[in-house]
Amino acid sequence: MTVGLFLVRVVVGMLLIGHAAQKLFGWFGGHGLTGTGAFFDGIGYRPGRRLALLAGLAELTGGLLLALGLLTPLAAAIIVGTMIAAASTHMRNGLWVQNGGEVTPVVWTL
């Protein structure tokens, strides 16, 4: 059980770090701060670039803490808060992922 939890913690943490790198640096096919900020502006999160920076830093911090096993209650709170905000951007598309819906961010939150 301990090894399984360790692997889940590391994998989820690293995925969040990668997602943060997409927002912050444009790595792994991401749009960087400029593109993510423009997206945030387009969905009504203003100022978009500043909020993209905040979201990227939250994902990076939560992912690092989770992967390292440090302050895991804080890491979980950061991740859940970020994923709730992410889920809110998909609400208008319904539930299913093929329509850009809620399933993916909701699964991340679980």
C-alpha atoms as a PDB file:
ATOM      1  CA  MET A   1       0.000   0.000   0.000  1.00  0.00           C
ATOM      2  CA  THR A   2       2.783   2.429   0.921  1.00  0.00           C
ATOM      3  CA  VAL A   3       4.584   1.902  -2.397  1.00  0.00           C
ATOM      4  CA  GLY A   4       1.332   2.384  -4.318  1.00  0.00           C
ATOM      5  CA  LEU A   5       0.551   5.654  -2.560  1.00  0.00           C
ATOM      6  CA  PHE A   6       4.113   6.828  -3.155  1.00  0.00           C
ATOM      7  CA  LEU A   7       3.805   6.093  -6.887  1.00  0.00           C
ATOM      8  CA  VAL A   8       0.431   7.834  -7.164  1.00  0.00           C
ATOM      9  CA  ARG A   9       1.760  10.854  -5.281  1.00  0.00           C
ATOM     10  CA  VAL A  10       4.852  11.122  -7.495  1.00  0.00           C
ATOM     11  CA  VAL A  11       2.994  10.578 -10.786  1.00  0.00           C
ATOM     12  CA  VAL A  12       0.219  13.070 -10.003  1.00  0.00           C
ATOM     13  CA  GLY A  13       2.759  15.572  -8.675  1.00  0.00           C
ATOM     14  CA  MET A  14       4.912  15.289 -11.802  1.00  0.00           C
ATOM     15  CA  LEU A  15       1.893  15.634 -14.095  1.00  0.00           C
ATOM     16  CA  LEU A  16       0.943  18.842 -12.297  1.00  0.00           C
ATOM     17  CA  ILE A  17       4.511  20.105 -12.606  1.00  0.00           C
ATOM     18  CA  GLY A  18       4.336  19.404 -16.353  1.00  0.00           C
ATOM     19  CA  HIS A  19       1.006  21.185 -16.611  1.00  0.00           C
ATOM     20  CA  ALA A  20       2.493  24.177 -14.783  1.00  0.00           C
ATOM     21  CA  ALA A  21       5.430  24.172 -17.219  1.00  0.00           C
ATOM     22  CA  GLN A  22       2.948  24.394 -20.098  1.00  0.00           C
ATOM     23  CA  LYS A  23       1.377  27.507 -18.569  1.00  0.00           C
ATOM     24  CA  LEU A  24       4.539  29.170 -17.331  1.00  0.00           C
ATOM     25  CA  PHE A  25       7.120  28.324 -20.002  1.00  0.00           C
ATOM     26  CA  GLY A  26       5.259  26.949 -23.013  1.00  0.00           C
ATOM     27  CA  TRP A  27       6.944  23.560 -22.603  1.00  0.00           C
ATOM     28  CA  PHE A  28       5.334  20.260 -23.663  1.00  0.00           C
ATOM     29  CA  GLY A  29       3.151  21.958 -26.265  1.00  0.00           C
ATOM     30  CA  GLY A  30       1.811  24.594 -23.885  1.00  0.00           C
ATOM     31  CA  HIS A  31       1.051  28.205 -24.735  1.00  0.00           C
ATOM     32  CA  GLY A  32       3.155  29.906 -22.087  1.00  0.00           C
ATOM     33  CA  LEU A  33       2.038  32.879 -20.042  1.00  0.00           C
ATOM     34  CA  THR A  34       1.047  34.951 -23.055  1.00  0.00           C
ATOM     35  CA  GLY A  35      -1.187  32.306 -24.643  1.00  0.00           C
ATOM     36  CA  THR A  36      -2.631  31.076 -21.358  1.00  0.00           C
ATOM     37  CA  GLY A  37      -3.216  34.667 -20.263  1.00  0.00           C
ATOM     38  CA  ALA A  38      -5.087  35.367 -23.504  1.00  0.00           C
ATOM     39  CA  PHE A  39      -7.219  32.254 -22.913  1.00  0.00           C
ATOM     40  CA  PHE A  40      -7.968  33.376 -19.357  1.00  0.00           C
ATOM     41  CA  ASP A  41      -8.929  36.843 -20.633  1.00  0.00           C
ATOM     42  CA  GLY A  42     -11.196  35.204 -23.218  1.00  0.00           C
ATOM     43  CA  ILE A  43     -13.148  33.261 -20.600  1.00  0.00           C
ATOM     44  CA  GLY A  44     -13.487  36.252 -18.299  1.00  0.00           C
ATOM     45  CA  TYR A  45     -10.607  35.655 -15.860  1.00  0.00           C
ATOM     46  CA  ARG A  46      -8.959  39.073 -15.809  1.00  0.00           C
ATOM     47  CA  PRO A  47      -6.181  40.087 -15.724  1.00  0.00           C
ATOM     48  CA  GLY A  48      -5.446  36.951 -17.701  1.00  0.00           C
ATOM     49  CA  ARG A  49      -1.651  36.961 -17.682  1.00  0.00           C
ATOM     50  CA  ARG A  50      -1.459  37.578 -13.932  1.00  0.00           C
ATOM     51  CA  LEU A  51      -3.989  34.851 -13.206  1.00  0.00           C
ATOM     52  CA  ALA A  52      -2.173  32.463 -15.574  1.00  0.00           C
ATOM     53  CA  LEU A  53       1.002  33.108 -13.588  1.00  0.00           C
ATOM     54  CA  LEU A  54      -0.858  32.463 -10.327  1.00  0.00           C
ATOM     55  CA  ALA A  55      -2.423  29.247 -11.680  1.00  0.00           C
ATOM     56  CA  GLY A  56       0.934  28.030 -13.002  1.00  0.00           C
ATOM     57  CA  LEU A  57       2.692  28.767  -9.716  1.00  0.00           C
ATOM     58  CA  ALA A  58      -0.093  27.039  -7.762  1.00  0.00           C
ATOM     59  CA  GLU A  59       0.185  23.922  -9.951  1.00  0.00           C
ATOM     60  CA  LEU A  60       3.976  23.975  -9.691  1.00  0.00           C
ATOM     61  CA  THR A  61       3.944  24.414  -5.910  1.00  0.00           C
ATOM     62  CA  GLY A  62       1.207  21.841  -5.308  1.00  0.00           C
ATOM     63  CA  GLY A  63       2.843  19.357  -7.668  1.00  0.00           C
ATOM     64  CA  LEU A  64       6.305  19.755  -6.129  1.00  0.00           C
ATOM     65  CA  LEU A  65       5.016  19.431  -2.573  1.00  0.00           C
ATOM     66  CA  LEU A  66       2.948  16.373  -3.482  1.00  0.00           C
ATOM     67  CA  ALA A  67       5.727  14.650  -5.428  1.00  0.00           C
ATOM     68  CA  LEU A  68       8.208  15.256  -2.604  1.00  0.00           C
ATOM     69  CA  GLY A  69       5.731  14.256   0.106  1.00  0.00           C
ATOM     70  CA  LEU A  70       6.103  17.572   1.894  1.00  0.00           C
ATOM     71  CA  LEU A  71       3.195  19.361   3.564  1.00  0.00           C
ATOM     72  CA  THR A  72       0.772  17.063   1.755  1.00  0.00           C
ATOM     73  CA  PRO A  73      -2.383  18.609   3.293  1.00  0.00           C
ATOM     74  CA  LEU A  74      -1.286  21.989   1.929  1.00  0.00           C
ATOM     75  CA  ALA A  75      -0.358  20.410  -1.420  1.00  0.00           C
ATOM     76  CA  ALA A  76      -3.785  18.777  -1.622  1.00  0.00           C
ATOM     77  CA  ALA A  77      -5.548  22.056  -0.781  1.00  0.00           C
ATOM     78  CA  ILE A  78      -3.596  23.916  -3.478  1.00  0.00           C
ATOM     79  CA  ILE A  79      -4.322  21.216  -6.060  1.00  0.00           C
ATOM     80  CA  VAL A  80      -8.034  20.943  -5.239  1.00  0.00           C
ATOM     81  CA  GLY A  81      -8.457  24.727  -5.332  1.00  0.00           C
ATOM     82  CA  THR A  82      -6.703  24.966  -8.679  1.00  0.00           C
ATOM     83  CA  MET A  83      -8.730  22.109 -10.154  1.00  0.00           C
ATOM     84  CA  ILE A  84     -12.014  23.617  -8.960  1.00  0.00           C
ATOM     85  CA  ALA A  85     -11.085  26.797 -10.819  1.00  0.00           C
ATOM     86  CA  ALA A  86     -10.127  24.699 -13.874  1.00  0.00           C
ATOM     87  CA  ALA A  87     -13.434  22.839 -13.745  1.00  0.00           C
ATOM     88  CA  SER A  88     -15.311  26.141 -13.746  1.00  0.00           C
ATOM     89  CA  THR A  89     -13.835  26.970 -17.166  1.00  0.00           C
ATOM     90  CA  HIS A  90     -15.477  23.852 -18.640  1.00  0.00           C
ATOM     91  CA  MET A  91     -18.950  24.146 -17.087  1.00  0.00           C
ATOM     92  CA  ARG A  92     -20.597  25.563 -20.195  1.00  0.00           C
ATOM     93  CA  ASN A  93     -19.496  22.477 -22.197  1.00  0.00           C
ATOM     94  CA  GLY A  94     -21.358  19.902 -20.123  1.00  0.00           C
ATOM     95  CA  LEU A  95     -19.955  16.759 -18.558  1.00  0.00           C
ATOM     96  CA  TRP A  96     -18.169  14.741 -21.230  1.00  0.00           C
ATOM     97  CA  VAL A  97     -14.604  15.400 -22.285  1.00  0.00           C
ATOM     98  CA  GLN A  98     -15.206  15.036 -26.047  1.00  0.00           C
ATOM     99  CA  ASN A  99     -17.194  18.265 -25.818  1.00  0.00           C
ATOM    100  CA  GLY A 100     -14.507  19.943 -23.704  1.00  0.00           C
ATOM    101  CA  GLY A 101     -16.553  19.199 -20.599  1.00  0.00           C
ATOM    102  CA  GLU A 102     -16.075  18.682 -16.897  1.00  0.00           C
ATOM    103  CA  VAL A 103     -14.852  15.094 -16.689  1.00  0.00           C
ATOM    104  CA  THR A 104     -11.110  15.761 -16.886  1.00  0.00           C
ATOM    105  CA  PRO A 105     -10.837  18.507 -14.225  1.00  0.00           C
ATOM    106  CA  VAL A 106     -13.328  16.701 -11.990  1.00  0.00           C
ATOM    107  CA  VAL A 107     -11.266  13.507 -12.158  1.00  0.00           C
ATOM    108  CA  TRP A 108      -8.146  15.509 -11.270  1.00  0.00           C
ATOM    109  CA  THR A 109      -9.953  16.889  -8.233  1.00  0.00           C
ATOM    110  CA  LEU A 110     -10.856  13.401  -7.018  1.00  0.00           C
END
